[in-house]
């Protein structure tokens, strides 16, 4: 049985399809949270690394 047939069978089976959709939604939510966190904290993290690089170059 190929992947497409297994997915179709899982989706039409009821609970298995629901579980797969729930896992996909949780995965998507985690990805969105990770992207927002990187966007929000990105500039601060860059500043920290620039300060570290400046401190090292002064040595």
Foldseek 3Di string as FASTA:
>chain_A
DDPVVVLVCLCVVPPSVVVVVVVVVVVVVVVVVVVVVCVVCVVVVVVVVVVVVVVVVVD
